Amino acid sequence: MPDLEMLTEKLTPEKKMKLTHTERLQMHKLYSYCYVVVCMNSSLNYEIISHDLYRSPDALERFITKIEKKLANIQEDLSAPAKMIMASGDLKAYNKVTEC
């Protein structure tokens, strides 16, 4: 049975260092990426707008550059006013409404 006093004892930093040891065995490097941009319209239909797959040692830098450009394009598209699509009779009904 473990010594309860040892379990509750406050350890000094030196004693803690003796209890733990970490050694780096390997290092992971980003070598590839893949992304897909999907658009959903008002009818809940999904469409793949763009995609990119890349493999090379400079994948991280390229991913950041590409995704920032893609984000700027998406923000530009979303800031443009969308055309209102109305079925026949919708405009009449819209003009008659007095409360939301």
C-alpha atoms as a PDB file:
ATOM      1  CA  MET A   1       0.000   0.000   0.000  1.00  0.00           C
ATOM      2  CA  PRO A   2       1.415   3.445  -0.888  1.00  0.00           C
ATOM      3  CA  ASP A   3       2.614   5.693   1.856  1.00  0.00           C
ATOM      4  CA  LEU A   4      -0.184   8.272   2.304  1.00  0.00           C
ATOM      5  CA  GLU A   5       2.250  10.816   3.635  1.00  0.00           C
ATOM      6  CA  MET A   6       4.199  10.656   0.361  1.00  0.00           C
ATOM      7  CA  LEU A   7       1.024  11.135  -1.698  1.00  0.00           C
ATOM      8  CA  THR A   8       0.012  14.276   0.180  1.00  0.00           C
ATOM      9  CA  GLU A   9       3.495  15.715   0.617  1.00  0.00           C
ATOM     10  CA  LYS A  10       4.201  18.975  -1.239  1.00  0.00           C
ATOM     11  CA  LEU A  11       7.106  18.259  -3.557  1.00  0.00           C
ATOM     12  CA  THR A  12       9.863  20.735  -4.227  1.00  0.00           C
ATOM     13  CA  PRO A  13      10.599  21.514  -7.889  1.00  0.00           C
ATOM     14  CA  GLU A  14      13.776  19.409  -7.621  1.00  0.00           C
ATOM     15  CA  LYS A  15      11.833  16.367  -6.402  1.00  0.00           C
ATOM     16  CA  LYS A  16       9.233  16.853  -9.155  1.00  0.00           C
ATOM     17  CA  MET A  17      11.986  16.878 -11.788  1.00  0.00           C
ATOM     18  CA  LYS A  18      13.237  13.522 -10.515  1.00  0.00           C
ATOM     19  CA  LEU A  19       9.761  11.992 -10.937  1.00  0.00           C
ATOM     20  CA  THR A  20       9.208  13.051 -14.543  1.00  0.00           C
ATOM     21  CA  HIS A  21      11.228  12.706 -17.676  1.00  0.00           C
ATOM     22  CA  THR A  22      10.259  13.531 -21.247  1.00  0.00           C
ATOM     23  CA  GLU A  23      12.298  12.672 -24.279  1.00  0.00           C
ATOM     24  CA  ARG A  24      11.438  13.776 -27.814  1.00  0.00           C
ATOM     25  CA  LEU A  25      11.313  10.704 -30.037  1.00  0.00           C
ATOM     26  CA  GLN A  26      10.018  12.177 -33.266  1.00  0.00           C
ATOM     27  CA  MET A  27       8.742  15.401 -34.783  1.00  0.00           C
ATOM     28  CA  HIS A  28       5.772  15.755 -37.117  1.00  0.00           C
ATOM     29  CA  LYS A  29       6.030  18.165 -40.013  1.00  0.00           C
ATOM     30  CA  LEU A  30       3.171  19.298 -42.184  1.00  0.00           C
ATOM     31  CA  TYR A  31       3.749  17.979 -45.689  1.00  0.00           C
ATOM     32  CA  SER A  32       0.308  18.139 -47.298  1.00  0.00           C
ATOM     33  CA  TYR A  33      -3.168  19.603 -47.032  1.00  0.00           C
ATOM     34  CA  CYS A  34      -6.561  19.312 -48.653  1.00  0.00           C
ATOM     35  CA  TYR A  35      -9.620  21.523 -48.390  1.00  0.00           C
ATOM     36  CA  VAL A  36     -13.029  21.765 -50.042  1.00  0.00           C
ATOM     37  CA  VAL A  37     -15.234  24.862 -50.212  1.00  0.00           C
ATOM     38  CA  VAL A  38     -18.946  24.010 -50.254  1.00  0.00           C
ATOM     39  CA  CYS A  39     -21.778  26.446 -50.967  1.00  0.00           C
ATOM     40  CA  MET A  40     -25.360  25.933 -49.823  1.00  0.00           C
ATOM     41  CA  ASN A  41     -28.130  27.801 -51.619  1.00  0.00           C
ATOM     42  CA  SER A  42     -31.557  28.816 -50.290  1.00  0.00           C
ATOM     43  CA  SER A  43     -33.024  25.469 -51.413  1.00  0.00           C
ATOM     44  CA  LEU A  44     -30.506  23.679 -49.163  1.00  0.00           C
ATOM     45  CA  ASN A  45     -28.633  22.276 -52.155  1.00  0.00           C
ATOM     46  CA  TYR A  46     -24.896  21.882 -51.732  1.00  0.00           C
ATOM     47  CA  GLU A  47     -22.354  22.580 -54.443  1.00  0.00           C
ATOM     48  CA  ILE A  48     -18.585  22.186 -54.352  1.00  0.00           C
ATOM     49  CA  ILE A  49     -17.203  25.588 -55.318  1.00  0.00           C
ATOM     50  CA  SER A  50     -13.500  24.775 -55.155  1.00  0.00           C
ATOM     51  CA  HIS A  51     -10.994  22.361 -53.716  1.00  0.00           C
ATOM     52  CA  ASP A  52      -7.249  22.060 -53.367  1.00  0.00           C
ATOM     53  CA  LEU A  53      -4.874  19.201 -52.595  1.00  0.00           C
ATOM     54  CA  TYR A  54      -1.177  19.916 -52.226  1.00  0.00           C
ATOM     55  CA  ARG A  55       1.853  17.867 -51.166  1.00  0.00           C
ATOM     56  CA  SER A  56       5.252  19.460 -50.658  1.00  0.00           C
ATOM     57  CA  PRO A  57       7.564  20.597 -47.856  1.00  0.00           C
ATOM     58  CA  ASP A  58       6.186  24.165 -48.192  1.00  0.00           C
ATOM     59  CA  ALA A  59       2.576  23.000 -47.607  1.00  0.00           C
ATOM     60  CA  LEU A  60       2.022  25.126 -44.490  1.00  0.00           C
ATOM     61  CA  GLU A  61       2.989  28.417 -46.131  1.00  0.00           C
ATOM     62  CA  ARG A  62       1.023  27.605 -49.280  1.00  0.00           C
ATOM     63  CA  PHE A  63      -2.069  26.571 -47.274  1.00  0.00           C
ATOM     64  CA  ILE A  64      -2.105  29.864 -45.370  1.00  0.00           C
ATOM     65  CA  THR A  65      -1.716  31.892 -48.572  1.00  0.00           C
ATOM     66  CA  LYS A  66      -4.429  29.946 -50.434  1.00  0.00           C
ATOM     67  CA  ILE A  67      -6.935  29.908 -47.565  1.00  0.00           C
ATOM     68  CA  GLU A  68      -6.539  33.654 -46.953  1.00  0.00           C
ATOM     69  CA  LYS A  69      -7.228  34.352 -50.648  1.00  0.00           C
ATOM     70  CA  LYS A  70     -10.218  32.001 -50.575  1.00  0.00           C
ATOM     71  CA  LEU A  71     -11.565  33.739 -47.454  1.00  0.00           C
ATOM     72  CA  ALA A  72     -11.254  37.157 -49.139  1.00  0.00           C
ATOM     73  CA  ASN A  73     -13.173  35.835 -52.176  1.00  0.00           C
ATOM     74  CA  ILE A  74     -15.921  34.370 -49.993  1.00  0.00           C
ATOM     75  CA  GLN A  75     -16.273  37.602 -48.000  1.00  0.00           C
ATOM     76  CA  GLU A  76     -16.501  39.585 -51.241  1.00  0.00           C
ATOM     77  CA  ASP A  77     -19.205  37.232 -52.584  1.00  0.00           C
ATOM     78  CA  LEU A  78     -21.207  37.434 -49.352  1.00  0.00           C
ATOM     79  CA  SER A  79     -21.053  41.236 -49.228  1.00  0.00           C
ATOM     80  CA  ALA A  80     -22.741  41.594 -52.644  1.00  0.00           C
ATOM     81  CA  PRO A  81     -26.543  41.894 -52.468  1.00  0.00           C
ATOM     82  CA  ALA A  82     -28.288  38.722 -53.549  1.00  0.00           C
ATOM     83  CA  LYS A  83     -31.086  38.727 -56.097  1.00  0.00           C
ATOM     84  CA  MET A  84     -34.438  38.158 -54.422  1.00  0.00           C
ATOM     85  CA  ILE A  85     -36.242  35.149 -55.848  1.00  0.00           C
ATOM     86  CA  MET A  86     -40.031  35.276 -55.577  1.00  0.00           C
ATOM     87  CA  ALA A  87     -42.674  32.892 -56.788  1.00  0.00           C
ATOM     88  CA  SER A  88     -45.738  34.263 -58.535  1.00  0.00           C
ATOM     89  CA  GLY A  89     -47.955  36.057 -56.031  1.00  0.00           C
ATOM     90  CA  ASP A  90     -45.131  36.566 -53.500  1.00  0.00           C
ATOM     91  CA  LEU A  91     -44.701  40.249 -54.349  1.00  0.00           C
ATOM     92  CA  LYS A  92     -48.449  40.890 -53.872  1.00  0.00           C
ATOM     93  CA  ALA A  93     -48.419  39.123 -50.521  1.00  0.00           C
ATOM     94  CA  TYR A  94     -45.272  41.009 -49.490  1.00  0.00           C
ATOM     95  CA  ASN A  95     -46.808  44.389 -50.347  1.00  0.00           C
ATOM     96  CA  LYS A  96     -50.001  43.587 -48.359  1.00  0.00           C
ATOM     97  CA  VAL A  97     -48.188  42.689 -45.128  1.00  0.00           C
ATOM     98  CA  THR A  98     -48.242  45.360 -42.439  1.00  0.00           C
ATOM     99  CA  GLU A  99     -46.466  43.457 -39.621  1.00  0.00           C
ATOM    100  CA  CYS A 100     -43.496  41.097 -39.455  1.00  0.00           C
END
